[in-house]
Amino acid sequence: MHTREFSEDGLHILAIEGEIDLARSPELREVLHAHAKARRPVLVLDFAGVSYVDSSGLATLIEYVRKAQPYGGRFALVNVNERVQTIFDLVRLGEFLSIYPTLVEARVALLAPPGA
């Protein structure tokens, strides 16, 4: 798994490539914990390069969302491929995580004023 971070038009984006499995989820956990500690107001994970996520990867994502909630951190996934989306659908994670087809759609949703 490789990650690349950048900011674009008000969003902080973490692009991930590879598999998020038991061997790699601790690495992702460290990165996400750093964002939670920094109280990142908006974080988007770009999953365009993610080919697989196992239960440890799912737990890592849920853990970040829970850490971000107390300070109102907003979080979303974008560019999730069909295989990974099927995994999210099987465990009904789409009900807990915001998932958008594109970065543009995520930007509109995450940067909209509350109640808009």
C-alpha atoms as a PDB file:
ATOM      1  CA  MET A   1       0.000   0.000   0.000  1.00  0.00           C
ATOM      2  CA  HIS A   2       1.234   3.475  -0.880  1.00  0.00           C
ATOM      3  CA  THR A   3      -0.298   6.802   0.098  1.00  0.00           C
ATOM      4  CA  ARG A   4       0.043  10.299  -1.301  1.00  0.00           C
ATOM      5  CA  GLU A   5      -1.379  13.389   0.382  1.00  0.00           C
ATOM      6  CA  PHE A   6      -2.325  16.702  -1.183  1.00  0.00           C
ATOM      7  CA  SER A   7      -4.781  19.563  -0.816  1.00  0.00           C
ATOM      8  CA  GLU A   8      -7.051  20.753  -3.580  1.00  0.00           C
ATOM      9  CA  ASP A   9      -9.746  23.448  -3.473  1.00  0.00           C
ATOM     10  CA  GLY A  10     -10.354  23.227   0.272  1.00  0.00           C
ATOM     11  CA  LEU A  11     -10.089  19.462   0.612  1.00  0.00           C
ATOM     12  CA  HIS A  12      -7.278  17.434   2.098  1.00  0.00           C
ATOM     13  CA  ILE A  13      -6.982  14.262   0.021  1.00  0.00           C
ATOM     14  CA  LEU A  14      -5.246  11.006   0.834  1.00  0.00           C
ATOM     15  CA  ALA A  15      -4.793   8.912  -2.320  1.00  0.00           C
ATOM     16  CA  ILE A  16      -4.248   5.236  -1.567  1.00  0.00           C
ATOM     17  CA  GLU A  17      -2.881   2.540  -3.854  1.00  0.00           C
ATOM     18  CA  GLY A  18      -2.801  -1.195  -3.258  1.00  0.00           C
ATOM     19  CA  GLU A  19      -4.561  -3.476  -0.819  1.00  0.00           C
ATOM     20  CA  ILE A  20      -5.709  -2.468   2.646  1.00  0.00           C
ATOM     21  CA  ASP A  21      -5.344  -5.739   4.515  1.00  0.00           C
ATOM     22  CA  LEU A  22      -4.089  -7.035   7.861  1.00  0.00           C
ATOM     23  CA  ALA A  23      -0.483  -6.374   6.846  1.00  0.00           C
ATOM     24  CA  ARG A  24      -1.149  -2.809   5.619  1.00  0.00           C
ATOM     25  CA  SER A  25      -3.986  -1.487   7.785  1.00  0.00           C
ATOM     26  CA  PRO A  26      -1.623  -0.540  10.679  1.00  0.00           C
ATOM     27  CA  GLU A  27       0.174   1.806   8.273  1.00  0.00           C
ATOM     28  CA  LEU A  28      -3.132   3.395   7.236  1.00  0.00           C
ATOM     29  CA  ARG A  29      -4.180   3.574  10.899  1.00  0.00           C
ATOM     30  CA  GLU A  30      -1.051   5.625  11.701  1.00  0.00           C
ATOM     31  CA  VAL A  31      -1.760   8.057   8.870  1.00  0.00           C
ATOM     32  CA  LEU A  32      -5.410   8.444   9.846  1.00  0.00           C
ATOM     33  CA  HIS A  33      -4.564   8.856  13.545  1.00  0.00           C
ATOM     34  CA  ALA A  34      -2.260  11.730  12.594  1.00  0.00           C
ATOM     35  CA  HIS A  35      -5.152  13.393  10.748  1.00  0.00           C
ATOM     36  CA  ALA A  36      -7.459  12.904  13.729  1.00  0.00           C
ATOM     37  CA  LYS A  37      -4.836  14.298  16.089  1.00  0.00           C
ATOM     38  CA  ALA A  38      -4.454  17.324  13.788  1.00  0.00           C
ATOM     39  CA  ARG A  39      -8.254  17.673  13.894  1.00  0.00           C
ATOM     40  CA  ARG A  40      -8.465  17.746  10.107  1.00  0.00           C
ATOM     41  CA  PRO A  41     -11.843  19.405   9.306  1.00  0.00           C
ATOM     42  CA  VAL A  42     -12.308  17.590   5.980  1.00  0.00           C
ATOM     43  CA  LEU A  43     -10.537  14.463   4.747  1.00  0.00           C
ATOM     44  CA  VAL A  44     -11.185  12.544   1.544  1.00  0.00           C
ATOM     45  CA  LEU A  45      -9.717   9.132   0.805  1.00  0.00           C
ATOM     46  CA  ASP A  46      -9.262   8.566  -2.914  1.00  0.00           C
ATOM     47  CA  PHE A  47      -9.695   4.821  -3.438  1.00  0.00           C
ATOM     48  CA  ALA A  48      -9.026   4.839  -7.209  1.00  0.00           C
ATOM     49  CA  GLY A  49      -5.938   2.697  -6.649  1.00  0.00           C
ATOM     50  CA  VAL A  50      -7.360   0.425  -3.941  1.00  0.00           C
ATOM     51  CA  SER A  51      -7.908  -3.108  -5.181  1.00  0.00           C
ATOM     52  CA  TYR A  52      -9.037  -4.803  -1.945  1.00  0.00           C
ATOM     53  CA  VAL A  53     -10.064  -4.036   1.642  1.00  0.00           C
ATOM     54  CA  ASP A  54     -10.348  -6.691   4.346  1.00  0.00           C
ATOM     55  CA  SER A  55     -12.014  -6.504   7.763  1.00  0.00           C
ATOM     56  CA  SER A  56      -8.973  -4.886   9.391  1.00  0.00           C
ATOM     57  CA  GLY A  57      -9.072  -2.157   6.738  1.00  0.00           C
ATOM     58  CA  LEU A  58     -12.783  -1.616   7.323  1.00  0.00           C
ATOM     59  CA  ALA A  59     -12.166  -1.370  11.075  1.00  0.00           C
ATOM     60  CA  THR A  60      -9.442   1.216  10.441  1.00  0.00           C
ATOM     61  CA  LEU A  61     -11.862   3.401   8.458  1.00  0.00           C
ATOM     62  CA  ILE A  62     -14.564   3.125  11.116  1.00  0.00           C
ATOM     63  CA  GLU A  63     -12.037   3.965  13.812  1.00  0.00           C
ATOM     64  CA  TYR A  64     -11.082   7.185  12.010  1.00  0.00           C
ATOM     65  CA  VAL A  65     -14.699   8.259  11.607  1.00  0.00           C
ATOM     66  CA  ARG A  66     -15.273   7.746  15.329  1.00  0.00           C
ATOM     67  CA  LYS A  67     -12.144   9.750  16.200  1.00  0.00           C
ATOM     68  CA  ALA A  68     -13.218  12.604  13.890  1.00  0.00           C
ATOM     69  CA  GLN A  69     -16.805  12.867  15.148  1.00  0.00           C
ATOM     70  CA  PRO A  70     -16.070  14.689  18.445  1.00  0.00           C
ATOM     71  CA  TYR A  71     -14.497  17.652  16.633  1.00  0.00           C
ATOM     72  CA  GLY A  72     -16.920  17.609  13.684  1.00  0.00           C
ATOM     73  CA  GLY A  73     -14.428  16.221  11.172  1.00  0.00           C
ATOM     74  CA  ARG A  74     -16.019  15.361   7.846  1.00  0.00           C
ATOM     75  CA  PHE A  75     -14.836  12.318   5.920  1.00  0.00           C
ATOM     76  CA  ALA A  76     -15.588  10.650   2.600  1.00  0.00           C
ATOM     77  CA  LEU A  77     -14.344   8.065   0.145  1.00  0.00           C
ATOM     78  CA  VAL A  78     -14.209   8.645  -3.606  1.00  0.00           C
ATOM     79  CA  ASN A  79     -13.468   6.594  -6.705  1.00  0.00           C
ATOM     80  CA  VAL A  80     -14.312   3.277  -5.056  1.00  0.00           C
ATOM     81  CA  ASN A  81     -14.095   0.458  -7.603  1.00  0.00           C
ATOM     82  CA  GLU A  82     -16.849  -2.130  -8.019  1.00  0.00           C
ATOM     83  CA  ARG A  83     -14.996  -4.889  -6.127  1.00  0.00           C
ATOM     84  CA  VAL A  84     -14.369  -2.719  -3.055  1.00  0.00           C
ATOM     85  CA  GLN A  85     -17.871  -1.235  -3.235  1.00  0.00           C
ATOM     86  CA  THR A  86     -19.268  -4.779  -3.103  1.00  0.00           C
ATOM     87  CA  ILE A  87     -17.338  -5.358   0.134  1.00  0.00           C
ATOM     88  CA  PHE A  88     -18.739  -2.109   1.588  1.00  0.00           C
ATOM     89  CA  ASP A  89     -22.246  -3.107   0.486  1.00  0.00           C
ATOM     90  CA  LEU A  90     -21.990  -6.581   2.058  1.00  0.00           C
ATOM     91  CA  VAL A  91     -21.234  -5.111   5.476  1.00  0.00           C
ATOM     92  CA  ARG A  92     -23.543  -2.130   4.929  1.00  0.00           C
ATOM     93  CA  LEU A  93     -20.675   0.296   5.453  1.00  0.00           C
ATOM     94  CA  GLY A  94     -22.225   2.697   2.956  1.00  0.00           C
ATOM     95  CA  GLU A  95     -24.740   3.524   5.681  1.00  0.00           C
ATOM     96  CA  PHE A  96     -21.901   4.680   7.938  1.00  0.00           C
ATOM     97  CA  LEU A  97     -19.422   6.212   5.474  1.00  0.00           C
ATOM     98  CA  SER A  98     -19.998   8.874   2.852  1.00  0.00           C
ATOM     99  CA  ILE A  99     -18.993   7.448  -0.521  1.00  0.00           C
ATOM    100  CA  TYR A 100     -19.039   9.566  -3.682  1.00  0.00           C
ATOM    101  CA  PRO A 101     -18.304   8.533  -7.268  1.00  0.00           C
ATOM    102  CA  THR A 102     -15.990  11.507  -7.878  1.00  0.00           C
ATOM    103  CA  LEU A 103     -13.909  14.070  -6.070  1.00  0.00           C
ATOM    104  CA  VAL A 104     -16.090  16.835  -7.508  1.00  0.00           C
ATOM    105  CA  GLU A 105     -19.210  15.344  -5.895  1.00  0.00           C
ATOM    106  CA  ALA A 106     -17.412  14.868  -2.584  1.00  0.00           C
ATOM    107  CA  ARG A 107     -16.214  18.493  -2.640  1.00  0.00           C
ATOM    108  CA  VAL A 108     -19.747  19.792  -3.206  1.00  0.00           C
ATOM    109  CA  ALA A 109     -21.151  17.659  -0.370  1.00  0.00           C
ATOM    110  CA  LEU A 110     -18.359  18.176   2.162  1.00  0.00           C
ATOM    111  CA  LEU A 111     -17.836  21.885   1.687  1.00  0.00           C
ATOM    112  CA  ALA A 112     -21.512  22.831   1.545  1.00  0.00           C
ATOM    113  CA  PRO A 113     -22.632  25.024   4.423  1.00  0.00           C
ATOM    114  CA  PRO A 114     -24.502  23.090   7.144  1.00  0.00           C
ATOM    115  CA  GLY A 115     -28.178  22.729   6.299  1.00  0.00           C
ATOM    116  CA  ALA A 116     -27.613  23.531   2.613  1.00  0.00           C
END
